[in-house]
N, C-alpha and C. Protein backbone atom coordinates (compact mmCIF):
# COMPACT_ATOMS: atom_id res chain seq x y z
N ALA A 1 29.24 -56.65 91.94
CA ALA A 1 29.94 -57.81 91.70
C ALA A 1 29.90 -59.01 92.39
N MET A 2 28.63 -59.21 92.95
CA MET A 2 28.31 -60.53 94.26
C MET A 2 28.25 -61.63 93.66
N GLY A 3 28.17 -61.76 92.28
CA GLY A 3 28.29 -63.39 92.05
C GLY A 3 26.72 -64.00 92.05
N ARG A 4 27.03 -65.28 92.18
CA ARG A 4 26.01 -65.93 92.40
C ARG A 4 26.14 -66.92 93.49
N VAL A 5 25.26 -67.64 94.13
CA VAL A 5 25.40 -68.87 95.28
C VAL A 5 24.67 -69.87 95.23
N GLY A 6 25.01 -71.11 95.14
CA GLY A 6 24.09 -72.37 95.17
C GLY A 6 23.11 -72.40 95.92
N LYS A 7 22.00 -72.86 95.54
CA LYS A 7 20.61 -73.02 96.60
C LYS A 7 21.06 -74.10 97.44
N PRO A 8 20.61 -73.83 98.93
CA PRO A 8 21.34 -74.84 99.78
C PRO A 8 19.86 -76.18 99.40
N PHE A 9 20.61 -77.62 99.71
CA PHE A 9 19.27 -78.69 100.05
C PHE A 9 18.48 -77.93 101.51
N PRO A 10 17.17 -78.76 101.14
CA PRO A 10 16.38 -78.99 102.62
C PRO A 10 16.68 -79.52 103.47
N GLY A 11 16.75 -78.60 104.80
CA GLY A 11 17.60 -79.04 105.84
C GLY A 11 18.92 -78.51 106.17
N GLU A 12 19.88 -78.27 104.84
CA GLU A 12 20.95 -77.81 104.85
C GLU A 12 21.51 -76.84 106.03
N LYS A 13 20.60 -75.74 105.52
CA LYS A 13 20.73 -74.46 106.17
C LYS A 13 20.62 -74.82 107.63
N GLU A 14 19.62 -75.44 108.11
CA GLU A 14 19.06 -75.60 109.49
C GLU A 14 20.14 -75.88 109.89
N LEU A 15 20.86 -77.19 109.72
CA LEU A 15 21.56 -78.24 110.32
C LEU A 15 23.00 -77.95 110.06
N LEU A 16 23.34 -76.48 109.60
CA LEU A 16 24.90 -76.16 109.28
C LEU A 16 25.19 -76.06 110.77
N GLY A 17 26.34 -76.41 110.65
CA GLY A 17 27.27 -76.55 112.22
C GLY A 17 26.83 -77.71 113.17
N SER A 18 25.20 -78.17 113.32
CA SER A 18 24.86 -79.27 113.81
C SER A 18 25.18 -80.87 113.13
N GLY A 19 26.09 -80.89 112.21
CA GLY A 19 26.37 -82.01 111.22
C GLY A 19 26.50 -81.93 110.02
N VAL A 20 25.85 -80.77 109.57
CA VAL A 20 26.58 -80.29 108.13
C VAL A 20 27.58 -79.45 107.73
N SER A 21 28.40 -79.94 107.07
CA SER A 21 29.92 -79.11 107.18
C SER A 21 30.33 -79.12 105.75
N TYR A 22 31.34 -78.25 105.53
CA TYR A 22 31.88 -78.08 104.14
C TYR A 22 33.69 -78.12 104.26
N CYS A 23 34.03 -78.72 105.53
CA CYS A 23 35.27 -78.41 105.88
C CYS A 23 35.70 -79.78 106.49
N ALA A 24 36.02 -81.26 105.97
CA ALA A 24 36.35 -82.52 106.65
C ALA A 24 37.47 -82.24 107.45
N THR A 25 38.38 -81.45 107.06
CA THR A 25 39.65 -81.05 107.87
C THR A 25 39.60 -80.31 108.94
N CYS A 26 38.40 -79.89 108.99
CA CYS A 26 38.03 -79.19 110.19
C CYS A 26 37.37 -79.61 111.26
N ASP A 27 36.20 -80.57 110.49
CA ASP A 27 35.31 -81.61 111.54
C ASP A 27 35.24 -82.30 111.50
N GLY A 28 36.31 -83.52 110.71
CA GLY A 28 36.28 -84.55 110.34
C GLY A 28 36.14 -85.48 111.77
N ALA A 29 37.21 -85.18 112.69
CA ALA A 29 37.94 -85.91 114.15
C ALA A 29 36.73 -86.06 114.56
N PHE A 30 35.74 -84.97 114.48
CA PHE A 30 34.41 -85.30 115.33
C PHE A 30 33.63 -86.57 114.94
N TYR A 31 33.62 -86.89 113.54
CA TYR A 31 32.85 -87.87 113.09
C TYR A 31 33.53 -89.68 113.63
N ARG A 32 34.67 -89.38 114.45
CA ARG A 32 35.26 -90.98 114.50
C ARG A 32 34.54 -91.69 114.63
N ASP A 33 34.68 -92.85 114.14
CA ASP A 33 33.76 -94.33 114.29
C ASP A 33 32.18 -94.06 114.23
N SER A 34 32.09 -92.95 113.10
CA SER A 34 30.70 -92.87 112.72
C SER A 34 30.48 -92.57 111.46
N GLU A 35 28.97 -92.46 110.81
CA GLU A 35 28.81 -93.18 109.60
C GLU A 35 28.35 -91.47 109.04
N VAL A 36 28.97 -91.23 107.90
CA VAL A 36 29.06 -89.77 107.26
C VAL A 36 28.74 -89.83 105.80
N ALA A 37 28.08 -88.70 105.32
CA ALA A 37 28.03 -89.01 103.70
C ALA A 37 28.76 -87.56 103.18
N VAL A 38 29.09 -87.66 101.86
CA VAL A 38 29.90 -86.65 101.26
C VAL A 38 29.11 -86.56 99.70
N TYR A 39 28.55 -85.69 99.95
CA TYR A 39 27.83 -85.19 98.30
C TYR A 39 28.80 -84.59 97.66
N GLY A 40 29.10 -85.11 96.30
CA GLY A 40 29.41 -84.33 95.04
C GLY A 40 30.89 -85.27 94.59
N ALA A 41 31.15 -85.14 93.42
CA ALA A 41 31.97 -85.57 92.55
C ALA A 41 33.14 -84.76 91.92
N SER A 42 33.13 -83.60 92.61
CA SER A 42 34.30 -82.33 92.21
C SER A 42 35.58 -82.94 92.80
N THR A 43 37.30 -82.29 92.39
CA THR A 43 38.31 -82.75 93.23
C THR A 43 37.81 -82.78 94.69
N GLU A 44 37.80 -81.80 94.81
CA GLU A 44 37.25 -80.99 96.63
C GLU A 44 36.62 -81.96 97.19
N ALA A 45 35.42 -82.46 96.50
CA ALA A 45 34.60 -83.39 97.28
C ALA A 45 35.47 -84.89 97.71
N ILE A 46 36.47 -85.19 96.49
CA ILE A 46 37.10 -86.54 96.46
C ILE A 46 37.91 -86.26 97.65
N GLU A 47 38.53 -85.30 97.49
CA GLU A 47 39.55 -84.98 98.74
C GLU A 47 38.93 -84.82 100.06
N GLU A 48 38.22 -84.35 100.48
CA GLU A 48 37.54 -84.33 101.89
C GLU A 48 36.68 -85.61 101.90
N ALA A 49 36.52 -86.39 101.21
CA ALA A 49 35.97 -87.82 101.17
C ALA A 49 37.39 -88.68 101.68
N MET A 50 38.07 -88.69 101.29
CA MET A 50 39.57 -89.06 101.34
C MET A 50 40.23 -88.94 102.88
N PHE A 51 39.82 -87.87 103.22
CA PHE A 51 40.23 -87.67 104.49
C PHE A 51 39.23 -87.83 105.82
N LEU A 52 37.99 -87.77 105.24
CA LEU A 52 37.11 -88.60 106.05
C LEU A 52 37.23 -90.00 106.56
N THR A 53 38.22 -90.63 105.77
CA THR A 53 38.34 -92.17 105.91
C THR A 53 39.03 -92.40 106.85
N LYS A 54 39.82 -91.38 107.55
CA LYS A 54 40.77 -91.53 108.39
C LYS A 54 40.05 -91.90 109.48
N PHE A 55 38.95 -91.54 109.53
CA PHE A 55 38.00 -90.97 110.74
C PHE A 55 36.47 -92.06 110.76
N ALA A 56 36.18 -91.73 110.12
CA ALA A 56 34.83 -92.52 110.08
C ALA A 56 34.65 -93.68 109.60
N SER A 57 33.68 -94.94 110.47
CA SER A 57 33.14 -95.55 110.09
C SER A 57 32.99 -96.28 108.48
N THR A 58 32.08 -95.68 108.28
CA THR A 58 31.84 -95.27 106.58
C THR A 58 31.46 -94.43 106.43
N VAL A 59 32.30 -94.17 105.36
CA VAL A 59 31.99 -93.10 104.26
C VAL A 59 30.92 -92.73 103.17
N HIS A 60 29.80 -92.63 103.06
CA HIS A 60 28.87 -92.69 102.28
C HIS A 60 29.02 -91.86 100.93
N TRP A 61 29.54 -91.89 99.80
CA TRP A 61 29.89 -91.34 98.66
C TRP A 61 28.77 -90.92 97.67
N VAL A 62 28.05 -90.03 97.92
CA VAL A 62 26.74 -89.73 96.80
C VAL A 62 27.24 -89.35 95.95
N VAL A 63 27.04 -89.49 94.18
CA VAL A 63 27.41 -89.14 93.75
C VAL A 63 26.27 -89.00 92.49
N PRO A 64 25.73 -88.09 91.92
CA PRO A 64 24.71 -87.68 90.92
C PRO A 64 25.00 -88.42 89.68
N THR A 65 26.14 -88.52 89.28
CA THR A 65 26.23 -89.10 87.89
C THR A 65 26.56 -90.60 87.77
N ASP A 66 26.98 -90.99 86.82
CA ASP A 66 27.27 -92.52 86.52
C ASP A 66 29.00 -92.68 86.64
N ILE A 67 29.16 -91.82 87.89
CA ILE A 67 30.70 -92.37 88.00
C ILE A 67 31.90 -93.28 87.60
N GLU A 68 31.09 -94.63 87.93
CA GLU A 68 31.30 -95.74 87.41
C GLU A 68 31.95 -95.78 86.04
N LYS A 69 31.16 -95.38 85.08
CA LYS A 69 30.93 -95.43 83.58
C LYS A 69 31.99 -94.58 83.29
N GLU A 70 32.02 -93.27 84.10
CA GLU A 70 32.65 -92.14 83.63
C GLU A 70 34.42 -92.63 83.70
N LEU A 71 34.48 -93.62 84.60
CA LEU A 71 36.27 -93.74 85.12
C LEU A 71 36.36 -95.12 84.44
N GLN A 72 35.46 -95.75 83.76
CA GLN A 72 35.91 -97.09 83.46
C GLN A 72 36.26 -96.04 82.03
N GLY A 73 35.50 -95.27 81.25
CA GLY A 73 35.79 -95.08 79.98
C GLY A 73 37.03 -93.95 80.40
N GLY A 74 37.90 -94.20 81.12
CA GLY A 74 39.44 -93.59 81.32
C GLY A 74 39.08 -92.33 81.08
N MET A 75 38.15 -91.43 81.89
CA MET A 75 38.14 -90.30 81.87
C MET A 75 39.04 -89.77 82.87
N ASP A 76 39.63 -88.66 82.46
CA ASP A 76 40.75 -87.86 83.38
C ASP A 76 40.58 -86.49 84.00
N VAL A 77 41.57 -85.87 84.41
CA VAL A 77 41.34 -84.58 84.94
C VAL A 77 41.43 -84.10 83.69
N GLU A 78 42.18 -84.12 82.37
CA GLU A 78 42.43 -83.48 81.32
C GLU A 78 40.49 -83.07 80.59
N LYS A 79 40.12 -84.30 80.87
CA LYS A 79 38.73 -84.48 80.23
C LYS A 79 37.62 -83.81 81.14
N ASN A 80 37.90 -83.87 82.28
CA ASN A 80 36.68 -83.59 83.37
C ASN A 80 37.35 -82.84 84.39
N LYS A 81 37.60 -81.46 84.03
CA LYS A 81 38.40 -80.61 84.79
C LYS A 81 38.08 -80.47 86.33
N ILE A 82 36.63 -81.19 86.72
CA ILE A 82 36.32 -80.88 88.09
C ILE A 82 36.85 -82.33 89.00
N MET A 83 37.45 -83.17 88.10
CA MET A 83 37.19 -84.52 89.10
C MET A 83 38.66 -84.96 88.74
N ASP A 84 39.28 -85.75 89.78
CA ASP A 84 40.74 -86.13 89.22
C ASP A 84 40.37 -87.67 89.08
N HIS A 85 40.68 -88.06 88.06
CA HIS A 85 40.37 -90.00 87.78
C HIS A 85 41.36 -90.59 88.89
N ASP A 86 42.26 -90.52 89.25
CA ASP A 86 43.33 -91.28 90.21
C ASP A 86 42.53 -91.38 91.56
N GLU A 87 42.17 -89.95 91.78
CA GLU A 87 41.80 -90.01 92.99
C GLU A 87 40.24 -90.28 93.38
N ALA A 88 39.99 -90.71 92.31
CA ALA A 88 38.10 -90.97 92.50
C ALA A 88 38.44 -92.53 92.47
N MET A 89 39.46 -92.80 91.87
CA MET A 89 39.31 -94.45 92.02
C MET A 89 40.20 -94.94 93.25
N GLN A 90 41.45 -94.20 93.88
CA GLN A 90 41.80 -94.49 95.32
C GLN A 90 40.67 -94.42 96.39
N LEU A 91 39.68 -93.52 95.94
CA LEU A 91 38.65 -93.18 97.24
C LEU A 91 37.93 -94.49 96.65
N MET A 92 37.33 -94.91 95.97
CA MET A 92 36.34 -95.90 95.84
C MET A 92 37.11 -97.39 96.25
N SER A 93 38.45 -97.69 96.30
CA SER A 93 38.88 -98.48 96.63
C SER A 93 39.40 -98.99 98.02
N CYS A 94 38.94 -97.31 98.75
CA CYS A 94 39.01 -97.87 100.24
C CYS A 94 38.13 -98.73 100.81
N PRO A 95 38.25 -99.34 101.67
CA PRO A 95 37.37 -100.43 102.30
C PRO A 95 36.17 -99.96 103.35
N ASN A 96 35.98 -98.71 103.68
CA ASN A 96 35.28 -98.14 104.26
C ASN A 96 34.31 -96.87 103.71
N VAL A 97 34.58 -97.05 102.03
CA VAL A 97 33.61 -96.15 101.37
C VAL A 97 32.95 -96.72 100.73
N LYS A 98 31.75 -96.41 100.52
CA LYS A 98 30.59 -96.94 100.13
C LYS A 98 29.76 -95.81 98.86
N LEU A 99 30.04 -96.33 97.66
CA LEU A 99 29.28 -95.61 96.46
C LEU A 99 28.00 -95.52 96.32
N TRP A 100 27.40 -94.40 96.19
CA TRP A 100 26.48 -94.24 95.85
C TRP A 100 26.39 -93.51 94.61
N THR A 101 26.18 -94.37 93.93
CA THR A 101 26.27 -93.59 92.23
C THR A 101 24.68 -93.51 91.36
N LYS A 102 24.78 -92.38 90.67
CA LYS A 102 23.87 -91.87 90.17
C LYS A 102 22.70 -91.66 90.93
N THR A 103 23.22 -91.16 92.07
CA THR A 103 22.23 -90.66 93.31
C THR A 103 22.04 -89.07 93.84
N LYS A 104 20.92 -88.88 93.88
CA LYS A 104 20.63 -87.39 93.76
C LYS A 104 20.67 -87.16 95.57
N LEU A 105 21.10 -86.13 96.19
CA LEU A 105 20.70 -85.93 97.53
C LEU A 105 19.63 -85.09 97.68
N VAL A 106 18.62 -84.95 98.36
CA VAL A 106 16.97 -84.58 98.12
C VAL A 106 17.12 -83.68 99.26
N GLU A 107 17.76 -83.80 100.58
CA GLU A 107 17.50 -83.52 101.65
C GLU A 107 18.26 -84.12 102.90
N VAL A 108 18.63 -82.92 103.47
CA VAL A 108 19.44 -83.63 104.80
C VAL A 108 18.45 -83.57 106.10
N ILE A 109 18.44 -84.74 106.58
CA ILE A 109 16.88 -84.81 107.97
C ILE A 109 17.88 -84.88 109.34
N GLY A 110 17.25 -84.39 110.46
CA GLY A 110 17.99 -84.47 111.48
C GLY A 110 17.10 -84.15 112.60
N ASP A 111 17.49 -83.73 113.93
CA ASP A 111 16.68 -83.33 114.88
C ASP A 111 17.13 -82.13 116.03
N PHE A 112 16.90 -82.06 116.92
CA PHE A 112 17.63 -80.71 117.97
C PHE A 112 18.90 -81.45 118.43
N ASN A 113 19.26 -82.75 118.23
CA ASN A 113 20.83 -83.50 118.36
C ASN A 113 21.62 -83.06 117.24
N GLY A 114 21.01 -82.73 116.07
CA GLY A 114 21.71 -82.68 114.89
C GLY A 114 21.29 -83.62 113.65
N VAL A 115 22.31 -83.62 112.70
CA VAL A 115 22.14 -84.59 111.81
C VAL A 115 22.11 -85.57 111.98
N THR A 116 20.62 -86.67 111.32
CA THR A 116 20.72 -87.83 111.54
C THR A 116 20.46 -88.93 109.98
N GLY A 117 20.28 -88.26 109.03
CA GLY A 117 20.32 -89.22 107.79
C GLY A 117 20.65 -88.17 106.71
N VAL A 118 20.36 -88.63 105.67
CA VAL A 118 20.29 -87.75 104.33
C VAL A 118 19.36 -88.91 103.41
N ARG A 119 18.49 -87.76 103.05
CA ARG A 119 17.62 -88.64 102.01
C ARG A 119 17.92 -88.29 100.73
N VAL A 120 17.96 -89.49 99.81
CA VAL A 120 18.71 -89.79 98.19
C VAL A 120 17.74 -90.40 97.49
N ASN A 121 17.75 -90.23 96.12
CA ASN A 121 16.91 -90.77 95.44
C ASN A 121 17.69 -90.84 94.11
N HIS A 122 17.80 -92.48 93.68
CA HIS A 122 18.45 -93.27 92.87
C HIS A 122 17.83 -92.92 91.92
N ARG A 123 18.56 -92.89 90.54
CA ARG A 123 18.10 -92.31 89.15
C ARG A 123 16.91 -93.37 88.79
N GLY A 124 16.05 -93.71 88.45
CA GLY A 124 15.07 -93.91 87.63
C GLY A 124 14.08 -94.74 88.88
N SER A 125 14.74 -94.37 90.30
CA SER A 125 13.75 -94.80 91.40
C SER A 125 12.43 -94.17 91.76
N ASP A 126 11.27 -94.21 92.12
CA ASP A 126 10.06 -93.45 92.35
C ASP A 126 10.23 -93.61 93.89
N ASP A 127 10.88 -93.89 94.68
CA ASP A 127 11.46 -93.80 96.13
C ASP A 127 12.52 -93.24 96.49
N ASP A 128 12.26 -92.35 97.85
CA ASP A 128 13.59 -92.00 98.26
C ASP A 128 14.20 -92.95 99.30
N GLU A 129 15.47 -92.92 99.20
CA GLU A 129 16.15 -93.90 100.47
C GLU A 129 16.40 -92.91 101.52
N VAL A 130 16.57 -93.28 102.71
CA VAL A 130 17.40 -92.71 103.75
C VAL A 130 18.86 -93.37 104.22
N ILE A 131 19.58 -92.64 104.30
CA ILE A 131 21.11 -92.88 104.56
C ILE A 131 21.06 -92.65 106.20
N PRO A 132 21.44 -93.41 106.90
CA PRO A 132 21.36 -92.74 108.61
C PRO A 132 23.05 -92.56 108.63
N VAL A 133 22.93 -91.07 108.95
CA VAL A 133 24.35 -90.82 108.90
C VAL A 133 24.39 -89.51 110.18
N GLU A 134 25.53 -89.34 110.67
CA GLU A 134 25.97 -88.43 111.73
C GLU A 134 26.29 -86.89 111.18
N GLY A 135 27.08 -86.99 110.07
CA GLY A 135 27.25 -86.06 109.38
C GLY A 135 27.35 -85.85 107.70
N ALA A 136 26.93 -84.69 107.48
CA ALA A 136 26.78 -84.36 106.14
C ALA A 136 27.95 -83.08 105.49
N PHE A 137 28.57 -83.94 104.57
CA PHE A 137 29.51 -83.04 104.09
C PHE A 137 29.38 -82.52 102.38
N ILE A 138 28.70 -81.54 101.98
CA ILE A 138 28.32 -81.26 101.07
C ILE A 138 28.70 -80.24 100.06
N TYR A 139 29.04 -80.84 98.93
CA TYR A 139 29.91 -79.67 97.90
C TYR A 139 29.28 -80.12 96.42
N GLY A 140 28.37 -79.24 96.60
CA GLY A 140 27.37 -79.56 95.13
C GLY A 140 26.07 -78.47 95.75
N ASN A 141 25.25 -78.45 95.32
CA ASN A 141 23.98 -77.47 95.73
C ASN A 141 22.58 -78.06 95.17
N GLY A 142 21.74 -77.33 95.52
CA GLY A 142 20.39 -77.79 95.51
C GLY A 142 19.60 -77.63 94.74
N GLY A 143 20.50 -77.13 93.51
CA GLY A 143 19.67 -77.04 92.22
C GLY A 143 19.50 -75.83 91.96
N GLY A 144 20.52 -75.69 91.01
CA GLY A 144 20.82 -74.35 90.55
C GLY A 144 21.36 -73.55 91.46
N SER A 145 21.33 -71.98 90.89
CA SER A 145 21.91 -71.10 92.02
C SER A 145 21.20 -69.61 91.75
N LYS A 146 21.29 -69.15 92.64
CA LYS A 146 20.61 -67.63 92.54
C LYS A 146 21.42 -66.37 92.87
N PRO A 147 21.51 -65.06 91.86
CA PRO A 147 22.32 -64.20 92.20
C PRO A 147 22.23 -63.97 93.76
N ILE A 148 23.31 -63.08 94.40
CA ILE A 148 23.18 -63.05 95.55
C ILE A 148 22.79 -61.30 95.68
N THR A 149 21.46 -60.93 95.63
CA THR A 149 21.02 -59.77 95.60
C THR A 149 20.23 -59.07 97.39
N ASP A 150 20.05 -60.60 98.05
CA ASP A 150 19.42 -59.91 99.31
C ASP A 150 19.94 -58.88 99.85
N PHE A 151 20.80 -58.65 99.61
CA PHE A 151 21.17 -56.86 100.71
C PHE A 151 20.57 -55.80 99.55
N CYS A 152 20.15 -55.71 98.20
CA CYS A 152 19.65 -55.05 97.75
C CYS A 152 18.53 -54.86 97.16
N GLN A 153 17.43 -56.07 97.51
CA GLN A 153 16.43 -56.15 96.88
C GLN A 153 15.30 -54.99 96.89
N SER A 154 15.62 -54.16 98.14
CA SER A 154 14.48 -53.14 98.24
C SER A 154 15.12 -51.85 97.59
N LYS A 155 16.13 -51.80 96.72
CA LYS A 155 17.10 -50.63 96.30
C LYS A 155 17.44 -50.74 95.11
N VAL A 156 17.33 -51.47 94.24
CA VAL A 156 17.54 -51.55 92.77
C VAL A 156 16.63 -52.76 92.28
N GLU A 157 16.31 -52.00 90.90
CA GLU A 157 15.30 -53.05 90.29
C GLU A 157 15.71 -54.08 89.97
N LEU A 158 15.01 -55.70 90.38
CA LEU A 158 15.69 -56.82 89.82
C LEU A 158 14.72 -57.40 89.00
N ASP A 159 14.72 -58.62 88.15
CA ASP A 159 14.17 -59.03 87.20
C ASP A 159 13.18 -60.26 88.13
N GLU A 160 12.37 -61.25 87.57
CA GLU A 160 11.78 -62.47 88.23
C GLU A 160 12.76 -63.25 88.71
N ALA A 161 13.80 -63.28 88.39
CA ALA A 161 15.15 -64.77 89.01
C ALA A 161 15.65 -63.73 90.00
N GLY A 162 15.61 -62.48 90.58
CA GLY A 162 16.42 -62.35 91.19
C GLY A 162 17.88 -61.44 91.02
N GLY A 163 17.52 -61.41 89.38
CA GLY A 163 19.25 -60.87 88.78
C GLY A 163 18.89 -59.43 88.89
N VAL A 164 19.72 -58.36 89.04
CA VAL A 164 20.17 -57.13 88.86
C VAL A 164 19.77 -56.53 87.31
N ILE A 165 18.46 -55.66 87.14
CA ILE A 165 18.19 -54.73 85.78
C ILE A 165 19.67 -54.05 85.29
N VAL A 166 20.17 -53.96 84.62
CA VAL A 166 21.34 -52.65 84.05
C VAL A 166 20.80 -52.31 82.87
N ASP A 167 21.67 -51.14 82.27
CA ASP A 167 22.01 -50.74 81.16
C ASP A 167 22.52 -51.24 80.48
N GLU A 168 22.99 -50.53 78.98
CA GLU A 168 24.04 -50.84 78.66
C GLU A 168 25.22 -50.55 78.83
N SER A 169 25.48 -49.78 79.91
CA SER A 169 26.54 -49.13 80.79
C SER A 169 27.03 -49.61 82.03
N MET A 170 26.13 -50.66 81.89
CA MET A 170 25.57 -51.61 83.49
C MET A 170 25.49 -50.76 84.75
N MET A 171 24.62 -49.47 84.61
CA MET A 171 23.87 -48.87 85.48
C MET A 171 22.66 -49.54 85.68
N THR A 172 22.36 -49.74 87.19
CA THR A 172 21.11 -49.99 87.56
C THR A 172 20.30 -49.01 87.44
N SER A 173 18.52 -49.08 88.19
CA SER A 173 17.94 -48.55 88.45
C SER A 173 18.13 -47.14 89.28
N VAL A 174 19.16 -47.11 89.87
CA VAL A 174 19.53 -46.27 90.56
C VAL A 174 20.95 -45.53 90.24
N SER A 175 20.88 -44.29 89.86
CA SER A 175 21.79 -43.53 89.28
C SER A 175 23.39 -43.53 89.72
N GLY A 176 24.12 -43.91 89.12
CA GLY A 176 25.44 -44.52 89.60
C GLY A 176 25.70 -45.33 90.66
N VAL A 177 25.02 -46.15 90.80
CA VAL A 177 24.97 -47.95 91.34
C VAL A 177 25.56 -49.03 89.82
N TYR A 178 26.48 -49.15 89.82
CA TYR A 178 26.79 -50.29 88.86
C TYR A 178 26.67 -51.57 89.49
N ALA A 179 26.49 -52.58 88.17
CA ALA A 179 26.26 -54.06 88.33
C ALA A 179 26.78 -54.64 88.00
N VAL A 180 27.84 -56.12 87.77
CA VAL A 180 28.18 -56.64 86.50
C VAL A 180 28.28 -57.87 87.12
N GLY A 181 28.84 -59.17 86.25
CA GLY A 181 28.54 -60.41 86.38
C GLY A 181 27.28 -61.23 86.30
N ASP A 182 27.74 -62.18 87.13
CA ASP A 182 26.38 -62.97 87.32
C ASP A 182 25.42 -62.72 88.31
N ILE A 183 25.36 -61.44 88.93
CA ILE A 183 24.60 -60.96 89.42
C ILE A 183 23.68 -59.98 88.85
N ARG A 184 23.70 -60.07 87.38
CA ARG A 184 22.87 -59.72 86.59
C ARG A 184 21.68 -60.73 85.83
N ASN A 185 22.17 -62.34 86.36
CA ASN A 185 21.37 -63.15 85.82
C ASN A 185 21.57 -63.51 84.17
N THR A 186 22.45 -62.92 83.71
CA THR A 186 22.83 -63.47 82.29
C THR A 186 22.74 -64.49 81.91
N ASP A 187 22.47 -65.13 80.90
CA ASP A 187 22.50 -66.19 80.26
C ASP A 187 23.99 -66.97 80.08
N TYR A 188 25.26 -65.80 79.81
CA TYR A 188 26.23 -65.86 79.66
C TYR A 188 27.25 -65.87 81.01
N LYS A 189 27.47 -66.96 81.46
CA LYS A 189 27.62 -67.02 82.78
C LYS A 189 29.65 -67.49 82.57
N GLN A 190 30.24 -66.49 82.20
CA GLN A 190 31.57 -66.81 81.93
C GLN A 190 32.38 -65.84 82.65
N VAL A 191 33.42 -66.12 83.28
CA VAL A 191 34.43 -65.19 83.59
C VAL A 191 34.93 -63.80 82.62
N VAL A 192 34.81 -64.34 81.64
CA VAL A 192 35.44 -63.37 80.45
C VAL A 192 34.01 -62.19 80.00
N VAL A 193 32.73 -62.69 80.46
CA VAL A 193 31.87 -61.82 80.68
C VAL A 193 31.90 -60.99 81.44
N ALA A 194 32.09 -61.70 82.52
CA ALA A 194 31.86 -60.52 84.10
C ALA A 194 33.22 -59.91 83.77
N ALA A 195 34.44 -60.00 82.88
CA ALA A 195 35.56 -58.99 83.19
C ALA A 195 34.97 -58.18 82.39
N SER A 196 34.47 -58.50 80.81
CA SER A 196 33.94 -57.69 79.97
C SER A 196 32.84 -56.30 80.85
N ASP A 197 32.20 -57.01 81.58
CA ASP A 197 31.00 -56.23 81.99
C ASP A 197 31.69 -55.14 82.78
N GLY A 198 32.51 -55.49 83.82
CA GLY A 198 33.60 -54.60 84.45
C GLY A 198 34.48 -53.51 84.06
N CYS A 199 34.60 -54.03 82.95
CA CYS A 199 35.26 -53.02 81.80
C CYS A 199 34.63 -51.98 81.54
N ILE A 200 33.55 -51.94 81.10
CA ILE A 200 32.23 -51.10 80.53
C ILE A 200 31.88 -50.53 81.63
N ALA A 201 31.66 -50.95 82.90
CA ALA A 201 31.39 -50.37 84.18
C ALA A 201 31.93 -49.43 84.58
N ALA A 202 33.33 -49.81 84.30
CA ALA A 202 34.41 -48.92 85.22
C ALA A 202 34.66 -47.49 84.05
N MET A 203 34.49 -47.62 82.98
CA MET A 203 34.51 -46.31 81.77
C MET A 203 33.27 -45.86 82.49
N ALA A 204 32.07 -46.44 82.23
CA ALA A 204 30.79 -45.87 82.66
C ALA A 204 31.12 -44.72 83.95
N VAL A 205 31.55 -45.64 85.16
CA VAL A 205 31.75 -44.51 86.17
C VAL A 205 32.50 -43.65 86.04
N GLU A 206 33.75 -43.71 85.10
CA GLU A 206 34.61 -42.44 85.19
C GLU A 206 33.94 -41.44 84.11
N LYS A 207 33.20 -41.78 83.26
CA LYS A 207 32.08 -40.79 82.69
C LYS A 207 30.98 -40.20 83.80
N PHE A 208 30.12 -40.98 84.29
CA PHE A 208 29.21 -40.21 85.42
C PHE A 208 29.96 -39.46 86.12
N LEU A 209 31.37 -39.90 86.94
CA LEU A 209 31.65 -39.06 87.98
C LEU A 209 32.28 -38.04 87.38
N ASN A 210 32.87 -37.77 86.07
CA ASN A 210 33.20 -36.63 85.44
C ASN A 210 32.20 -35.52 84.65
N ASN A 211 31.09 -36.40 84.95
CA ASN A 211 29.89 -35.79 84.14
C ASN A 211 30.45 -35.04 82.55
N ARG A 212 30.70 -36.70 81.79
CA ARG A 212 31.27 -36.58 80.26
C ARG A 212 30.27 -36.57 79.79
N LYS A 213 30.20 -36.54 78.48
CA LYS A 213 29.01 -36.91 77.44
C LYS A 213 29.44 -37.97 76.66
N MET A 214 30.24 -38.08 77.18
CA MET A 214 31.25 -39.53 76.08
C MET A 214 31.98 -40.52 76.74
N VAL A 215 31.95 -41.55 76.37
CA VAL A 215 33.31 -42.60 77.32
C VAL A 215 34.49 -42.13 77.03
N LYS A 216 35.05 -41.68 78.24
CA LYS A 216 36.65 -41.50 77.64
C LYS A 216 37.68 -42.99 77.44
N VAL A 217 38.30 -42.75 76.01
CA VAL A 217 39.13 -43.83 75.80
C VAL A 217 40.49 -43.71 75.57
N ASP A 218 41.21 -44.40 75.76
CA ASP A 218 43.18 -44.31 75.62
C ASP A 218 43.54 -44.28 74.51
N TRP A 219 42.55 -44.64 73.69
CA TRP A 219 43.12 -44.28 72.16
C TRP A 219 42.20 -43.87 71.18
N ILE A 220 42.43 -43.31 70.33
CA ILE A 220 41.56 -42.83 69.32
C ILE A 220 41.90 -43.04 67.69
N HIS A 221 40.77 -43.30 67.26
CA HIS A 221 41.19 -43.66 65.37
C HIS A 221 41.54 -42.00 64.92
N ARG A 222 42.67 -41.95 63.89
CA ARG A 222 42.66 -40.78 63.43
C ARG A 222 42.31 -40.91 61.75
């Protein structure tokens, strides 16, 4: 039940620890009087960007959606569970924050000294633009996600997308090894589905360990 992980942007993995960070409270002070980029519109991204305004000369807030339109429409935390309306408005009002709305992160660029900029693309534009920054705080992924199966690729059978193939009891191609949740690459990526998978697997494991022919249940219809 390892789940899935977001795919990194080009350059993100290579520059992690050399300008790429996921923790403003940990690394923010390193960017005093420097320009940084924050990518994402989640509450986490907004809070981290707000923290960075205490240190950075400019915080470039890069958001893939039309966040200004969303906020003008009165969208709040009840309508958008991942973004806090008031915190977003507060961040946008900071004098050292530059908003890049409807803009996708394309690549983190840098050299042996660390991050030198982020390449972005504004919706509707054919050309990318480079924002010169020394730090990139990323709270989004580079295009979808993938099952975390690197550790078992040569052990169990996987589908074309890297998901673990299981039978109706959640058993993999290896007898006695079970997989549940998003690691199966199911189309239904919900917590309740993963929990259901876990219940099925637990009952199947009990049956397997005790060499039962049928699954044991704690209730019986009479």
